[in-house]
Each structure stands twice: as structure tokens, then as C-alpha cells.
């Protein structure tokens, strides 16, 4: 597998286990033991996915994630000993695509990463490269994953784009939180749905004129979410 991964972890034992495993799986591995080093790697090299610990020296993992999201949509998976649900929600809110609590099973980490990358690859192969909605109020380019709102570019995380892609391609279909979790991560999340709600909240902030009164991503109480719009395909 010709893929590049950046592992940001200050605990040497965990770092070495992850590095060894991904090398055996055929990945090219970059290593960073602190936040500043992580940003330097991202600036110098193109990586396909980032594993990011939160409690790292020099710059917190949260700040590293925010900084990366200013310029990049690279998939970010947080690995952290912070196990409260609020910690996970916060991690997703700052731009991470997934969150795994330590101690973790390394095969699960790899499975989640592969599911994430497969979904991104599928998005890049869409037949219809550009969709224009509501007289160009919202423009989505599926080849470049670029989104324009009122002709201004907005940056979505890879997870946010996957959610938007699923909703847009089947307008007015109601997706449960579990449906969207399966589309994004490749498995159905069993829980109260707050993680997916956090993604939806962030997505609305970026594409809706009034996130509190959304016209695109509509909540169906007790059922899930739907995309309420007609699509006009670019000729």
C-alpha cells in the first residue's frame, strides 16, 4: 500500500508500536513527538492521513488540528486517553474525522483508517463532477471536494464532505445517525448520536445562511436528517 501516514504521539512505546504495524502493512510512516514537529511535517510532506494524540508537548493536539484545518482537508483521526463523550465531541468539533480512545486495538485503528480512505476515494470517482444548488447559492465540486457558498470557498473536513455528499446525492431521503455513521466510517455506531450531531452542526455553520433555521440540512425529529433541495447538474 503506497500511502503516507503521520503519527503524532509523545509516548515512545505507543509511537513505536504504531510505526512498526503500519510499516508492516506497507505504509510510509512519518513520526512527530510534539505539536510543532507535526506541523513541520505537514508543511513539508503530503500525507494521506494523520493519527493525532491530544496531550502532546509544545502545542496541544487540539491546536494542531485547528492549524491543519486552516489549510488542509487531510483525514485526521484522534487517538487519546481522554475518554469522556464531551472530549470526543470536542475533537470532532475542531475538525477531526474520527476519535479513538486509548487503550485501542491497533487493528481497529487500521480498519477505521481504511474505511475513511475508501470513502474519500469513492467521492473522487463521482461521475458528475459539479452540482449547483439553488441558483448557485451552494456549489459542490466532487472531484476537488471544493464547496462554494455564495461564491465564497468554505473548507470542509473530509467527514463533513462525506456527510454532505451522501445527503445531496439522495435529496429528501431521511438518513438516521447510524446510516450516516456507516457511510462515513464503514460501521454503524451504537450510541446516542451526539458525535454525528456535532458533525451536522459544524456543517450547517459552514453552508447554511442561518444555521439555526437550516434550509438545506433539515432535522426530522426522531428519524434523522435529510437534504431539502432540488439539484441542477452543471452541463
C-alpha atoms as a PDB file:
ATOM      1  CA  UNK A   1       0.000   0.000   0.000  1.00  0.00           C
ATOM      2  CA  UNK A   2       1.589   3.232  -1.192  1.00  0.00           C
ATOM      3  CA  UNK A   3       0.124   5.523   1.463  1.00  0.00           C
ATOM      4  CA  UNK A   4       1.714   8.050   3.801  1.00  0.00           C
ATOM      5  CA  UNK A   5       0.677   8.378   7.440  1.00  0.00           C
ATOM      6  CA  UNK A   6       1.798  10.870  10.075  1.00  0.00           C
ATOM      7  CA  UNK A   7       1.752   9.538  13.641  1.00  0.00           C
ATOM      8  CA  UNK A   8       1.777  12.303  16.258  1.00  0.00           C
ATOM      9  CA  UNK A   9       2.396  10.694  19.646  1.00  0.00           C
ATOM     10  CA  UNK A  10       4.738  11.635  22.501  1.00  0.00           C
ATOM     11  CA  UNK A  11       4.691   8.229  24.237  1.00  0.00           C
ATOM     12  CA  UNK A  12       7.583   6.316  22.708  1.00  0.00           C
ATOM     13  CA  UNK A  13       6.124   2.855  23.308  1.00  0.00           C
ATOM     14  CA  UNK A  14       2.826   3.672  21.583  1.00  0.00           C
ATOM     15  CA  UNK A  15       4.588   5.514  18.791  1.00  0.00           C
ATOM     16  CA  UNK A  16       6.890   2.581  18.070  1.00  0.00           C
ATOM     17  CA  UNK A  17       4.072   0.019  18.105  1.00  0.00           C
ATOM     18  CA  UNK A  18       2.041   2.073  15.636  1.00  0.00           C
ATOM     19  CA  UNK A  19       5.051   2.747  13.448  1.00  0.00           C
ATOM     20  CA  UNK A  20       6.021  -0.926  13.329  1.00  0.00           C
ATOM     21  CA  UNK A  21       2.493  -2.045  12.497  1.00  0.00           C
ATOM     22  CA  UNK A  22       1.939   0.416   9.667  1.00  0.00           C
ATOM     23  CA  UNK A  23       5.367  -0.281   8.190  1.00  0.00           C
ATOM     24  CA  UNK A  24       4.494  -3.983   8.087  1.00  0.00           C
ATOM     25  CA  UNK A  25       1.257  -3.073   6.308  1.00  0.00           C
ATOM     26  CA  UNK A  26       3.268  -1.297   3.614  1.00  0.00           C
ATOM     27  CA  UNK A  27       2.682   2.300   4.665  1.00  0.00           C
ATOM     28  CA  UNK A  28       5.272   5.054   4.576  1.00  0.00           C
ATOM     29  CA  UNK A  29       5.370   6.445   8.115  1.00  0.00           C
ATOM     30  CA  UNK A  30       6.242   9.936   9.352  1.00  0.00           C
ATOM     31  CA  UNK A  31       6.733  10.427  13.086  1.00  0.00           C
ATOM     32  CA  UNK A  32       6.263  13.503  15.294  1.00  0.00           C
ATOM     33  CA  UNK A  33       6.578  13.571  19.076  1.00  0.00           C
ATOM     34  CA  UNK A  34       5.222  17.093  19.634  1.00  0.00           C
ATOM     35  CA  UNK A  35       2.831  19.570  18.064  1.00  0.00           C
ATOM     36  CA  UNK A  36       5.383  21.823  16.411  1.00  0.00           C
ATOM     37  CA  UNK A  37       7.136  18.886  14.788  1.00  0.00           C
ATOM     38  CA  UNK A  38       3.783  17.661  13.474  1.00  0.00           C
ATOM     39  CA  UNK A  39       3.071  20.970  11.751  1.00  0.00           C
ATOM     40  CA  UNK A  40       6.532  20.945  10.195  1.00  0.00           C
ATOM     41  CA  UNK A  41       5.912  17.504   8.704  1.00  0.00           C
ATOM     42  CA  UNK A  42       2.524  18.564   7.308  1.00  0.00           C
ATOM     43  CA  UNK A  43       4.101  21.653   5.761  1.00  0.00           C
ATOM     44  CA  UNK A  44       6.941  19.728   4.098  1.00  0.00           C
ATOM     45  CA  UNK A  45       5.252  16.485   3.053  1.00  0.00           C
ATOM     46  CA  UNK A  46       1.921  15.378   1.616  1.00  0.00           C
ATOM     47  CA  UNK A  47       0.401  12.777   3.915  1.00  0.00           C
ATOM     48  CA  UNK A  48      -2.764  10.767   3.329  1.00  0.00           C
ATOM     49  CA  UNK A  49      -3.917  10.525   6.946  1.00  0.00           C
ATOM     50  CA  UNK A  50      -2.875  11.747  10.401  1.00  0.00           C
ATOM     51  CA  UNK A  51      -3.086   9.909  13.735  1.00  0.00           C
ATOM     52  CA  UNK A  52      -3.055  12.642  16.364  1.00  0.00           C
ATOM     53  CA  UNK A  53      -2.684  12.374  20.130  1.00  0.00           C
ATOM     54  CA  UNK A  54      -4.171  15.296  22.052  1.00  0.00           C
ATOM     55  CA  UNK A  55      -1.841  15.514  25.037  1.00  0.00           C
ATOM     56  CA  UNK A  56       1.466  16.285  23.348  1.00  0.00           C
ATOM     57  CA  UNK A  57       4.171  18.846  24.240  1.00  0.00           C
ATOM     58  CA  UNK A  58       4.891  22.281  22.718  1.00  0.00           C
ATOM     59  CA  UNK A  59       1.439  22.560  21.118  1.00  0.00           C
ATOM     60  CA  UNK A  60      -1.686  20.647  22.099  1.00  0.00           C
ATOM     61  CA  UNK A  61      -3.267  18.192  19.716  1.00  0.00           C
ATOM     62  CA  UNK A  62      -6.383  20.371  19.626  1.00  0.00           C
ATOM     63  CA  UNK A  63      -4.366  23.357  18.419  1.00  0.00           C
ATOM     64  CA  UNK A  64      -2.501  21.211  15.904  1.00  0.00           C
ATOM     65  CA  UNK A  65      -5.818  20.009  14.491  1.00  0.00           C
ATOM     66  CA  UNK A  66      -7.145  23.555  14.205  1.00  0.00           C
ATOM     67  CA  UNK A  67      -3.970  24.745  12.479  1.00  0.00           C
ATOM     68  CA  UNK A  68      -4.050  21.909   9.954  1.00  0.00           C
ATOM     69  CA  UNK A  69      -7.709  22.549   9.197  1.00  0.00           C
ATOM     70  CA  UNK A  70      -6.900  26.120   8.206  1.00  0.00           C
ATOM     71  CA  UNK A  71      -5.194  24.859   5.051  1.00  0.00           C
ATOM     72  CA  UNK A  72      -5.883  21.146   4.591  1.00  0.00           C
ATOM     73  CA  UNK A  73      -8.676  18.568   4.439  1.00  0.00           C
ATOM     74  CA  UNK A  74      -6.362  15.632   5.171  1.00  0.00           C
ATOM     75  CA  UNK A  75      -8.196  12.991   7.248  1.00  0.00           C
ATOM     76  CA  UNK A  76      -7.349  13.311  10.954  1.00  0.00           C
ATOM     77  CA  UNK A  77      -8.006  10.557  13.482  1.00  0.00           C
ATOM     78  CA  UNK A  78      -7.542  11.482  17.136  1.00  0.00           C
ATOM     79  CA  UNK A  79      -6.097   8.860  19.494  1.00  0.00           C
ATOM     80  CA  UNK A  80      -6.444   9.961  23.099  1.00  0.00           C
ATOM     81  CA  UNK A  81      -6.799   8.790  26.680  1.00  0.00           C
ATOM     82  CA  UNK A  82      -9.496  11.460  27.117  1.00  0.00           C
ATOM     83  CA  UNK A  83     -12.476   9.137  27.205  1.00  0.00           C
ATOM     84  CA  UNK A  84     -15.440  11.350  28.098  1.00  0.00           C
ATOM     85  CA  UNK A  85     -18.035  11.783  25.384  1.00  0.00           C
ATOM     86  CA  UNK A  86     -17.613  15.559  25.632  1.00  0.00           C
ATOM     87  CA  UNK A  87     -13.940  15.104  24.739  1.00  0.00           C
ATOM     88  CA  UNK A  88     -14.911  13.151  21.637  1.00  0.00           C
ATOM     89  CA  UNK A  89     -17.479  15.758  20.627  1.00  0.00           C
ATOM     90  CA  UNK A  90     -14.902  18.500  21.065  1.00  0.00           C
ATOM     91  CA  UNK A  91     -12.415  16.576  18.937  1.00  0.00           C
ATOM     92  CA  UNK A  92     -14.929  16.307  16.119  1.00  0.00           C
ATOM     93  CA  UNK A  93     -15.898  19.947  16.506  1.00  0.00           C
ATOM     94  CA  UNK A  94     -12.338  21.129  15.935  1.00  0.00           C
ATOM     95  CA  UNK A  95     -12.107  19.203  12.690  1.00  0.00           C
ATOM     96  CA  UNK A  96     -11.148  15.587  13.383  1.00  0.00           C
ATOM     97  CA  UNK A  97     -12.795  12.879  11.293  1.00  0.00           C
ATOM     98  CA  UNK A  98     -12.720  10.151  13.927  1.00  0.00           C
ATOM     99  CA  UNK A  99     -11.791   9.652  17.582  1.00  0.00           C
ATOM    100  CA  UNK A 100     -10.380   6.521  19.227  1.00  0.00           C
ATOM    101  CA  UNK A 101      -9.864   6.182  22.971  1.00  0.00           C
ATOM    102  CA  UNK A 102      -6.703   4.666  24.445  1.00  0.00           C
ATOM    103  CA  UNK A 103      -6.024   1.869  25.024  1.00  0.00           C
ATOM    104  CA  UNK A 104      -7.037   0.948  21.494  1.00  0.00           C
ATOM    105  CA  UNK A 105      -6.879  -2.141  19.331  1.00  0.00           C
ATOM    106  CA  UNK A 106      -4.453  -1.421  16.548  1.00  0.00           C
ATOM    107  CA  UNK A 107      -6.401  -3.483  14.015  1.00  0.00           C
ATOM    108  CA  UNK A 108      -9.433  -1.304  14.687  1.00  0.00           C
ATOM    109  CA  UNK A 109      -7.350   1.804  14.037  1.00  0.00           C
ATOM    110  CA  UNK A 110      -6.270   0.410  10.675  1.00  0.00           C
ATOM    111  CA  UNK A 111      -9.813  -0.697   9.809  1.00  0.00           C
ATOM    112  CA  UNK A 112     -11.220   2.752  10.528  1.00  0.00           C
ATOM    113  CA  UNK A 113      -8.489   4.441   8.517  1.00  0.00           C
ATOM    114  CA  UNK A 114      -9.064   2.144   5.552  1.00  0.00           C
ATOM    115  CA  UNK A 115     -12.825   2.769   5.682  1.00  0.00           C
ATOM    116  CA  UNK A 116     -12.210   6.507   5.769  1.00  0.00           C
ATOM    117  CA  UNK A 117      -9.825   6.409   2.815  1.00  0.00           C
ATOM    118  CA  UNK A 118     -12.125   4.154   0.770  1.00  0.00           C
ATOM    119  CA  UNK A 119     -14.944   6.614   1.161  1.00  0.00           C
ATOM    120  CA  UNK A 120     -12.731   9.516   0.090  1.00  0.00           C
ATOM    121  CA  UNK A 121     -11.629   7.542  -2.966  1.00  0.00           C
ATOM    122  CA  UNK A 122     -15.261   6.904  -3.888  1.00  0.00           C
ATOM    123  CA  UNK A 123     -16.025  10.617  -3.674  1.00  0.00           C
ATOM    124  CA  UNK A 124     -13.207  11.380  -6.093  1.00  0.00           C
ATOM    125  CA  UNK A 125     -14.716   8.995  -8.659  1.00  0.00           C
ATOM    126  CA  UNK A 126     -18.140  10.595  -8.880  1.00  0.00           C
ATOM    127  CA  UNK A 127     -19.489  10.753 -12.440  1.00  0.00           C
ATOM    128  CA  UNK A 128     -20.998  14.212 -12.030  1.00  0.00           C
ATOM    129  CA  UNK A 129     -18.140  16.491 -11.015  1.00  0.00           C
ATOM    130  CA  UNK A 130     -20.107  19.620 -10.136  1.00  0.00           C
ATOM    131  CA  UNK A 131     -23.532  20.220  -8.664  1.00  0.00           C
ATOM    132  CA  UNK A 132     -25.088  23.649  -8.413  1.00  0.00           C
ATOM    133  CA  UNK A 133     -27.931  24.169  -5.970  1.00  0.00           C
ATOM    134  CA  UNK A 134     -30.479  26.965  -5.684  1.00  0.00           C
ATOM    135  CA  UNK A 135     -29.139  29.230  -8.410  1.00  0.00           C
ATOM    136  CA  UNK A 136     -25.520  28.734  -7.341  1.00  0.00           C
ATOM    137  CA  UNK A 137     -26.060  29.586  -3.671  1.00  0.00           C
ATOM    138  CA  UNK A 138     -24.297  26.297  -2.967  1.00  0.00           C
ATOM    139  CA  UNK A 139     -21.823  24.751  -5.423  1.00  0.00           C
ATOM    140  CA  UNK A 140     -20.168  21.380  -4.802  1.00  0.00           C
ATOM    141  CA  UNK A 141     -17.253  20.050  -6.844  1.00  0.00           C
ATOM    142  CA  UNK A 142     -16.939  16.324  -6.145  1.00  0.00           C
ATOM    143  CA  UNK A 143     -13.604  15.964  -7.924  1.00  0.00           C
ATOM    144  CA  UNK A 144     -11.789  18.600  -5.891  1.00  0.00           C
ATOM    145  CA  UNK A 145     -14.092  18.443  -2.828  1.00  0.00           C
ATOM    146  CA  UNK A 146     -14.406  22.214  -3.087  1.00  0.00           C
ATOM    147  CA  UNK A 147     -17.558  23.842  -1.753  1.00  0.00           C
ATOM    148  CA  UNK A 148     -18.671  27.381  -2.557  1.00  0.00           C
ATOM    149  CA  UNK A 149     -21.314  29.226  -0.564  1.00  0.00           C
ATOM    150  CA  UNK A 150     -22.457  32.431  -2.240  1.00  0.00           C
ATOM    151  CA  UNK A 151     -19.374  32.167  -4.481  1.00  0.00           C
ATOM    152  CA  UNK A 152     -17.019  32.017  -1.496  1.00  0.00           C
ATOM    153  CA  UNK A 153     -14.936  28.913  -0.790  1.00  0.00           C
ATOM    154  CA  UNK A 154     -15.565  27.139   2.514  1.00  0.00           C
ATOM    155  CA  UNK A 155     -13.325  24.449   3.970  1.00  0.00           C
ATOM    156  CA  UNK A 156     -14.978  21.190   4.979  1.00  0.00           C
ATOM    157  CA  UNK A 157     -13.295  18.327   6.763  1.00  0.00           C
ATOM    158  CA  UNK A 158     -13.302  15.030   4.884  1.00  0.00           C
ATOM    159  CA  UNK A 159     -16.010  13.719   7.213  1.00  0.00           C
ATOM    160  CA  UNK A 160     -18.187  16.788   6.685  1.00  0.00           C
ATOM    161  CA  UNK A 161     -17.804  16.422   2.933  1.00  0.00           C
ATOM    162  CA  UNK A 162     -18.771  12.749   3.073  1.00  0.00           C
ATOM    163  CA  UNK A 163     -21.920  13.600   5.022  1.00  0.00           C
ATOM    164  CA  UNK A 164     -22.818  16.368   2.587  1.00  0.00           C
ATOM    165  CA  UNK A 165     -22.160  14.068  -0.371  1.00  0.00           C
ATOM    166  CA  UNK A 166     -24.490  11.388   0.996  1.00  0.00           C
ATOM    167  CA  UNK A 167     -27.294  13.832   1.753  1.00  0.00           C
ATOM    168  CA  UNK A 168     -27.020  15.719  -1.535  1.00  0.00           C
ATOM    169  CA  UNK A 169     -26.997  12.602  -3.713  1.00  0.00           C
ATOM    170  CA  UNK A 170     -30.325  11.452  -2.251  1.00  0.00           C
ATOM    171  CA  UNK A 171     -32.276  14.636  -1.542  1.00  0.00           C
ATOM    172  CA  UNK A 172     -35.259  14.271   0.785  1.00  0.00           C
ATOM    173  CA  UNK A 173     -34.218  10.766   1.819  1.00  0.00           C
ATOM    174  CA  UNK A 174     -34.088  10.581   5.608  1.00  0.00           C
ATOM    175  CA  UNK A 175     -30.748   9.340   6.930  1.00  0.00           C
ATOM    176  CA  UNK A 176     -30.578   8.153  10.517  1.00  0.00           C
ATOM    177  CA  UNK A 177     -27.482   8.959  12.551  1.00  0.00           C
ATOM    178  CA  UNK A 178     -26.480   5.307  12.239  1.00  0.00           C
ATOM    179  CA  UNK A 179     -26.890   5.466   8.444  1.00  0.00           C
ATOM    180  CA  UNK A 180     -24.567   8.445   8.235  1.00  0.00           C
ATOM    181  CA  UNK A 181     -22.088   6.840  10.606  1.00  0.00           C
ATOM    182  CA  UNK A 182     -21.945   3.788   8.346  1.00  0.00           C
ATOM    183  CA  UNK A 183     -21.403   5.956   5.262  1.00  0.00           C
ATOM    184  CA  UNK A 184     -18.647   7.962   6.927  1.00  0.00           C
ATOM    185  CA  UNK A 185     -16.839   5.308   8.947  1.00  0.00           C
ATOM    186  CA  UNK A 186     -17.846   1.991   7.424  1.00  0.00           C
ATOM    187  CA  UNK A 187     -19.652   0.708  10.504  1.00  0.00           C
ATOM    188  CA  UNK A 188     -22.794   1.569  12.433  1.00  0.00           C
ATOM    189  CA  UNK A 189     -22.128   3.499  15.618  1.00  0.00           C
ATOM    190  CA  UNK A 190     -24.207   2.368  18.576  1.00  0.00           C
ATOM    191  CA  UNK A 191     -24.716   5.333  20.879  1.00  0.00           C
ATOM    192  CA  UNK A 192     -26.819   8.408  21.432  1.00  0.00           C
ATOM    193  CA  UNK A 193     -25.763  10.074  18.169  1.00  0.00           C
ATOM    194  CA  UNK A 194     -24.099  13.146  19.640  1.00  0.00           C
ATOM    195  CA  UNK A 195     -20.972  12.661  17.550  1.00  0.00           C
ATOM    196  CA  UNK A 196     -22.948  12.797  14.299  1.00  0.00           C
ATOM    197  CA  UNK A 197     -24.976  15.733  15.619  1.00  0.00           C
ATOM    198  CA  UNK A 198     -21.697  17.580  16.164  1.00  0.00           C
ATOM    199  CA  UNK A 199     -20.666  16.976  12.547  1.00  0.00           C
ATOM    200  CA  UNK A 200     -24.053  18.178  11.305  1.00  0.00           C
ATOM    201  CA  UNK A 201     -23.843  21.287  13.486  1.00  0.00           C
ATOM    202  CA  UNK A 202     -20.424  22.151  12.081  1.00  0.00           C
ATOM    203  CA  UNK A 203     -21.583  21.503   8.518  1.00  0.00           C
ATOM    204  CA  UNK A 204     -24.595  23.757   8.940  1.00  0.00           C
ATOM    205  CA  UNK A 205     -22.397  26.556  10.228  1.00  0.00           C
ATOM    206  CA  UNK A 206     -20.416  26.380   7.008  1.00  0.00           C
ATOM    207  CA  UNK A 207     -23.129  26.037   4.347  1.00  0.00           C
ATOM    208  CA  UNK A 208     -26.323  27.478   5.814  1.00  0.00           C
ATOM    209  CA  UNK A 209     -27.221  31.164   5.741  1.00  0.00           C
ATOM    210  CA  UNK A 210     -28.849  30.726   9.156  1.00  0.00           C
ATOM    211  CA  UNK A 211     -27.623  27.545  10.891  1.00  0.00           C
ATOM    212  CA  UNK A 212     -30.433  27.826  13.456  1.00  0.00           C
ATOM    213  CA  UNK A 213     -33.003  27.773  10.634  1.00  0.00           C
ATOM    214  CA  UNK A 214     -31.365  25.487   8.079  1.00  0.00           C
ATOM    215  CA  UNK A 215     -32.813  25.297   4.581  1.00  0.00           C
ATOM    216  CA  UNK A 216     -30.518  22.551   3.284  1.00  0.00           C
ATOM    217  CA  UNK A 217     -29.857  20.045   6.068  1.00  0.00           C
ATOM    218  CA  UNK A 218     -33.181  19.549   7.824  1.00  0.00           C
ATOM    219  CA  UNK A 219     -33.746  17.621  11.039  1.00  0.00           C
ATOM    220  CA  UNK A 220     -36.543  15.064  11.045  1.00  0.00           C
ATOM    221  CA  UNK A 221     -37.309  14.679  14.739  1.00  0.00           C
ATOM    222  CA  UNK A 222     -36.913  11.113  15.894  1.00  0.00           C
ATOM    223  CA  UNK A 223     -35.702   9.969  12.472  1.00  0.00           C
ATOM    224  CA  UNK A 224     -32.534  11.756  11.402  1.00  0.00           C
ATOM    225  CA  UNK A 225     -31.525  14.243   8.717  1.00  0.00           C
ATOM    226  CA  UNK A 226     -32.489  14.977   5.136  1.00  0.00           C
ATOM    227  CA  UNK A 227     -31.334  17.332   2.392  1.00  0.00           C
ATOM    228  CA  UNK A 228     -34.161  19.618   1.307  1.00  0.00           C
ATOM    229  CA  UNK A 229     -33.214  20.992  -2.096  1.00  0.00           C
ATOM    230  CA  UNK A 230     -33.557  20.446  -5.813  1.00  0.00           C
ATOM    231  CA  UNK A 231     -30.321  19.767  -7.691  1.00  0.00           C
ATOM    232  CA  UNK A 232     -29.308  21.249 -11.028  1.00  0.00           C
ATOM    233  CA  UNK A 233     -26.419  19.432 -12.631  1.00  0.00           C
ATOM    234  CA  UNK A 234     -23.846  21.510 -14.457  1.00  0.00           C
ATOM    235  CA  UNK A 235     -23.943  20.965 -18.222  1.00  0.00           C
END
